[in-house]
Each structure stands twice: as C-alpha cells, then as structure tokens.
N, C-alpha and C. Protein backbone atom coordinates (compact mmCIF):
# COMPACT_ATOMS: atom_id res chain seq x y z
N UNK A 1 10.26 15.10 27.30
CA UNK A 1 9.49 15.38 26.11
C UNK A 1 8.68 14.13 25.73
N UNK A 2 7.50 14.32 25.19
CA UNK A 2 6.63 13.19 24.90
C UNK A 2 7.01 12.45 23.64
N UNK A 3 7.81 13.05 22.77
CA UNK A 3 8.28 12.34 21.58
C UNK A 3 9.61 11.68 21.90
N UNK A 4 9.63 10.38 21.82
CA UNK A 4 10.83 9.63 22.15
C UNK A 4 11.42 9.03 20.89
N UNK A 5 12.71 8.82 20.90
CA UNK A 5 13.35 8.16 19.77
C UNK A 5 12.94 6.69 19.75
N UNK A 6 13.08 6.02 18.62
CA UNK A 6 12.71 4.60 18.56
C UNK A 6 13.47 3.75 19.57
N UNK A 7 14.72 4.11 19.88
CA UNK A 7 15.48 3.33 20.85
C UNK A 7 14.86 3.46 22.24
N UNK A 8 14.35 4.64 22.56
CA UNK A 8 13.75 4.87 23.87
C UNK A 8 12.36 4.26 23.98
N UNK A 9 11.69 4.10 22.87
CA UNK A 9 10.34 3.56 22.91
C UNK A 9 10.31 2.06 23.11
N UNK A 10 11.32 1.37 22.66
CA UNK A 10 11.39 -0.09 22.83
C UNK A 10 10.28 -0.81 22.09
N UNK A 11 9.74 -1.83 22.73
CA UNK A 11 8.71 -2.66 22.12
C UNK A 11 7.42 -1.89 21.85
N UNK A 12 7.09 -0.93 22.71
CA UNK A 12 5.87 -0.15 22.50
C UNK A 12 5.96 0.64 21.19
N UNK A 13 7.09 1.24 20.93
CA UNK A 13 7.28 1.99 19.70
C UNK A 13 7.21 1.11 18.47
N UNK A 14 7.76 -0.08 18.58
CA UNK A 14 7.72 -1.01 17.46
C UNK A 14 6.28 -1.43 17.18
N UNK A 15 5.52 -1.69 18.23
CA UNK A 15 4.12 -2.10 18.06
C UNK A 15 3.29 -0.98 17.43
N UNK A 16 3.55 0.25 17.83
CA UNK A 16 2.81 1.38 17.27
C UNK A 16 3.15 1.56 15.79
N UNK A 17 4.42 1.43 15.44
CA UNK A 17 4.82 1.54 14.02
C UNK A 17 4.17 0.44 13.19
N UNK A 18 4.15 -0.79 13.71
CA UNK A 18 3.53 -1.88 12.99
C UNK A 18 2.03 -1.65 12.82
N UNK A 19 1.38 -1.17 13.86
CA UNK A 19 -0.05 -0.90 13.78
C UNK A 19 -0.34 0.18 12.74
N UNK A 20 0.47 1.23 12.72
CA UNK A 20 0.26 2.31 11.75
C UNK A 20 0.44 1.81 10.33
N UNK A 21 1.45 0.99 10.10
CA UNK A 21 1.69 0.46 8.75
C UNK A 21 0.58 -0.49 8.32
N UNK A 22 0.14 -1.33 9.22
CA UNK A 22 -0.83 -2.36 8.85
C UNK A 22 -2.26 -1.83 8.76
N UNK A 23 -2.55 -0.69 9.36
CA UNK A 23 -3.89 -0.12 9.20
C UNK A 23 -4.06 0.55 7.84
N UNK A 24 -2.99 0.73 7.12
CA UNK A 24 -3.08 1.31 5.78
C UNK A 24 -3.58 0.29 4.75
N UNK A 25 -3.56 -0.98 5.08
CA UNK A 25 -3.93 -2.03 4.13
C UNK A 25 -5.36 -1.89 3.59
N UNK A 26 -6.38 -1.68 4.43
CA UNK A 26 -7.73 -1.55 3.87
C UNK A 26 -7.87 -0.37 2.90
N UNK A 27 -7.22 0.73 3.20
CA UNK A 27 -7.29 1.88 2.30
C UNK A 27 -6.64 1.56 0.95
N UNK A 28 -5.53 0.88 1.00
CA UNK A 28 -4.84 0.52 -0.25
C UNK A 28 -5.70 -0.44 -1.07
N UNK A 29 -6.35 -1.38 -0.39
CA UNK A 29 -7.21 -2.35 -1.09
C UNK A 29 -8.40 -1.69 -1.78
N UNK A 30 -8.83 -0.55 -1.28
CA UNK A 30 -9.96 0.16 -1.87
C UNK A 30 -9.48 1.14 -2.94
N UNK A 31 -8.48 1.94 -2.61
CA UNK A 31 -8.09 3.05 -3.48
C UNK A 31 -7.39 2.59 -4.76
N UNK A 32 -6.45 1.69 -4.66
CA UNK A 32 -5.67 1.30 -5.85
C UNK A 32 -6.55 0.71 -6.97
N UNK A 33 -7.44 -0.24 -6.68
CA UNK A 33 -8.29 -0.74 -7.77
C UNK A 33 -9.25 0.32 -8.32
N UNK A 34 -9.75 1.21 -7.45
CA UNK A 34 -10.63 2.27 -7.94
C UNK A 34 -9.90 3.22 -8.88
N UNK A 35 -8.69 3.58 -8.51
CA UNK A 35 -7.91 4.46 -9.39
C UNK A 35 -7.66 3.77 -10.72
N UNK A 36 -7.28 2.49 -10.69
CA UNK A 36 -7.06 1.75 -11.93
C UNK A 36 -8.32 1.67 -12.77
N UNK A 37 -9.47 1.43 -12.13
CA UNK A 37 -10.73 1.35 -12.85
C UNK A 37 -11.07 2.67 -13.53
N UNK A 38 -10.97 3.78 -12.79
CA UNK A 38 -11.34 5.07 -13.37
C UNK A 38 -10.37 5.54 -14.44
N UNK A 39 -9.11 5.20 -14.31
CA UNK A 39 -8.18 5.50 -15.40
C UNK A 39 -8.55 4.67 -16.63
N UNK A 40 -8.87 3.40 -16.42
CA UNK A 40 -9.31 2.54 -17.53
C UNK A 40 -10.60 3.02 -18.16
N UNK A 41 -11.53 3.49 -17.32
CA UNK A 41 -12.79 4.01 -17.85
C UNK A 41 -12.55 5.26 -18.68
N UNK A 42 -11.66 6.13 -18.21
CA UNK A 42 -11.32 7.34 -18.98
C UNK A 42 -10.69 6.93 -20.32
N UNK A 43 -9.77 5.97 -20.28
CA UNK A 43 -9.12 5.51 -21.52
C UNK A 43 -10.13 4.84 -22.45
N UNK A 44 -11.11 4.12 -21.89
CA UNK A 44 -12.18 3.53 -22.71
C UNK A 44 -12.98 4.61 -23.43
N UNK A 45 -13.22 5.71 -22.74
CA UNK A 45 -13.96 6.80 -23.37
C UNK A 45 -13.19 7.43 -24.53
N UNK A 46 -11.88 7.48 -24.39
CA UNK A 46 -11.05 8.06 -25.45
C UNK A 46 -10.89 7.12 -26.64
N UNK A 47 -10.87 5.81 -26.37
CA UNK A 47 -10.59 4.86 -27.45
C UNK A 47 -11.78 4.02 -27.86
N UNK A 48 -12.93 4.19 -27.18
CA UNK A 48 -14.15 3.44 -27.48
C UNK A 48 -13.91 1.93 -27.42
N UNK A 49 -13.23 1.47 -26.38
CA UNK A 49 -12.97 0.04 -26.20
C UNK A 49 -13.66 -0.51 -24.96
N UNK A 50 -14.73 0.16 -24.50
CA UNK A 50 -15.41 -0.23 -23.25
C UNK A 50 -15.82 -1.68 -23.31
N UNK A 51 -15.73 -2.43 -22.29
CA UNK A 51 -15.17 -2.21 -20.96
C UNK A 51 -13.76 -2.77 -20.81
N UNK A 52 -13.08 -3.01 -21.92
CA UNK A 52 -11.78 -3.68 -21.89
C UNK A 52 -10.76 -2.96 -21.01
N UNK A 53 -10.55 -1.68 -21.22
CA UNK A 53 -9.53 -0.97 -20.46
C UNK A 53 -9.95 -0.73 -19.01
N UNK A 54 -11.26 -0.65 -18.76
CA UNK A 54 -11.72 -0.53 -17.37
C UNK A 54 -11.37 -1.77 -16.58
N UNK A 55 -11.60 -2.92 -17.17
CA UNK A 55 -11.28 -4.18 -16.50
C UNK A 55 -9.77 -4.34 -16.36
N UNK A 56 -9.03 -3.98 -17.38
CA UNK A 56 -7.58 -4.05 -17.32
C UNK A 56 -7.04 -3.11 -16.22
N UNK A 57 -7.60 -1.91 -16.13
CA UNK A 57 -7.20 -0.97 -15.09
C UNK A 57 -7.50 -1.50 -13.70
N UNK A 58 -8.63 -2.16 -13.54
CA UNK A 58 -9.01 -2.76 -12.26
C UNK A 58 -8.02 -3.86 -11.88
N UNK A 59 -7.66 -4.70 -12.84
CA UNK A 59 -6.70 -5.78 -12.57
C UNK A 59 -5.34 -5.20 -12.20
N UNK A 60 -4.90 -4.18 -12.93
CA UNK A 60 -3.62 -3.54 -12.62
C UNK A 60 -3.67 -2.89 -11.24
N UNK A 61 -4.81 -2.30 -10.89
CA UNK A 61 -4.98 -1.71 -9.57
C UNK A 61 -4.86 -2.74 -8.46
N UNK A 62 -5.49 -3.90 -8.63
CA UNK A 62 -5.37 -4.96 -7.63
C UNK A 62 -3.93 -5.46 -7.53
N UNK A 63 -3.25 -5.57 -8.68
CA UNK A 63 -1.85 -6.01 -8.66
C UNK A 63 -0.98 -4.99 -7.93
N UNK A 64 -1.20 -3.71 -8.21
CA UNK A 64 -0.43 -2.66 -7.53
C UNK A 64 -0.71 -2.67 -6.03
N UNK A 65 -1.96 -2.89 -5.65
CA UNK A 65 -2.31 -2.97 -4.22
C UNK A 65 -1.61 -4.15 -3.57
N UNK A 66 -1.56 -5.28 -4.24
CA UNK A 66 -0.89 -6.44 -3.69
C UNK A 66 0.60 -6.21 -3.49
N UNK A 67 1.23 -5.56 -4.45
CA UNK A 67 2.66 -5.26 -4.33
C UNK A 67 2.90 -4.31 -3.16
N UNK A 68 2.08 -3.29 -3.04
CA UNK A 68 2.25 -2.31 -1.95
C UNK A 68 1.97 -2.95 -0.60
N UNK A 69 0.96 -3.79 -0.51
CA UNK A 69 0.66 -4.46 0.76
C UNK A 69 1.79 -5.39 1.16
N UNK A 70 2.34 -6.08 0.19
CA UNK A 70 3.49 -6.96 0.48
C UNK A 70 4.65 -6.15 1.04
N UNK A 71 4.92 -4.99 0.45
CA UNK A 71 6.00 -4.14 0.95
C UNK A 71 5.69 -3.61 2.35
N UNK A 72 4.44 -3.25 2.61
CA UNK A 72 4.07 -2.77 3.94
C UNK A 72 4.20 -3.86 5.00
N UNK A 73 3.78 -5.07 4.66
CA UNK A 73 3.90 -6.17 5.62
C UNK A 73 5.37 -6.47 5.89
N UNK A 74 6.17 -6.45 4.84
CA UNK A 74 7.60 -6.68 5.01
C UNK A 74 8.21 -5.61 5.92
N UNK A 75 7.81 -4.37 5.71
CA UNK A 75 8.32 -3.28 6.53
C UNK A 75 7.79 -3.38 7.96
N UNK A 76 6.54 -3.78 8.12
CA UNK A 76 5.93 -3.88 9.44
C UNK A 76 6.47 -5.02 10.27
N UNK A 77 6.95 -6.07 9.63
CA UNK A 77 7.45 -7.22 10.37
C UNK A 77 8.97 -7.21 10.50
N UNK A 78 9.62 -6.19 9.94
CA UNK A 78 11.07 -6.13 10.06
C UNK A 78 11.45 -5.80 11.49
N UNK A 79 12.70 -6.01 11.81
CA UNK A 79 13.15 -5.84 13.18
C UNK A 79 13.19 -4.38 13.61
N UNK A 80 13.24 -3.44 12.64
CA UNK A 80 13.23 -2.03 12.98
C UNK A 80 14.57 -1.49 13.43
N UNK A 81 15.66 -2.23 13.24
CA UNK A 81 16.95 -1.76 13.68
C UNK A 81 17.71 -0.97 12.61
N UNK A 82 17.11 -0.81 11.44
CA UNK A 82 17.73 -0.02 10.40
C UNK A 82 18.74 -0.77 9.56
N UNK A 83 19.01 -2.04 9.86
CA UNK A 83 20.00 -2.80 9.12
C UNK A 83 19.40 -3.66 8.03
N UNK A 84 18.07 -3.65 7.89
CA UNK A 84 17.46 -4.51 6.89
C UNK A 84 17.68 -3.93 5.49
N UNK A 85 17.73 -4.81 4.51
CA UNK A 85 17.98 -4.43 3.12
C UNK A 85 16.72 -3.82 2.52
N UNK A 86 16.85 -2.69 1.86
CA UNK A 86 15.74 -2.03 1.21
C UNK A 86 15.66 -2.45 -0.24
N UNK A 87 14.48 -2.88 -0.72
CA UNK A 87 14.28 -3.27 -2.13
C UNK A 87 13.42 -2.26 -2.81
C-alpha cells in the first residue's frame, strides 16, 4: 500500500511532515493579521474609535501569528517519536 506508517517512512516521512508544517508559515503570516485588522475595523465601526481598534486588531493578529508559528516550528523540529511534551 502506498500509505506507510511513520515508522516505515523513516527520514523521508519526517522530512515530508516538516515541509508540510513549515509551508503553512506564509499563510499564517498573511491571514492572522488580516483577520485581526478586519475584526478591529468592524469594532471601530460599532464604537466610532477609528483607527484605534483596527491597529490594535492588527497587532493582536501579528502576535497570534507569532505564537502559532513558534508552535509549528517546535512541532516541525521535534523528533517525531511521540514522546515530546505537548504545551
């Protein structure tokens, strides 16, 4: 069968998993700040505080992206044996 377990894949499987995790980084860097900005823009429209909440949403989006990218890198560089501690 063409689908192999991680033990059978060896180093090739680990490299593919790392590549898949690390290619998500550019999408996260784009999407998270945009979502934060548009939520802030919507909140600015409701509270008439433009552009304060838009900027705050953008900053929160970048912070969320950084946290998620850190977690992805940590997961991508782990040994993949299932014994690592999950935070």
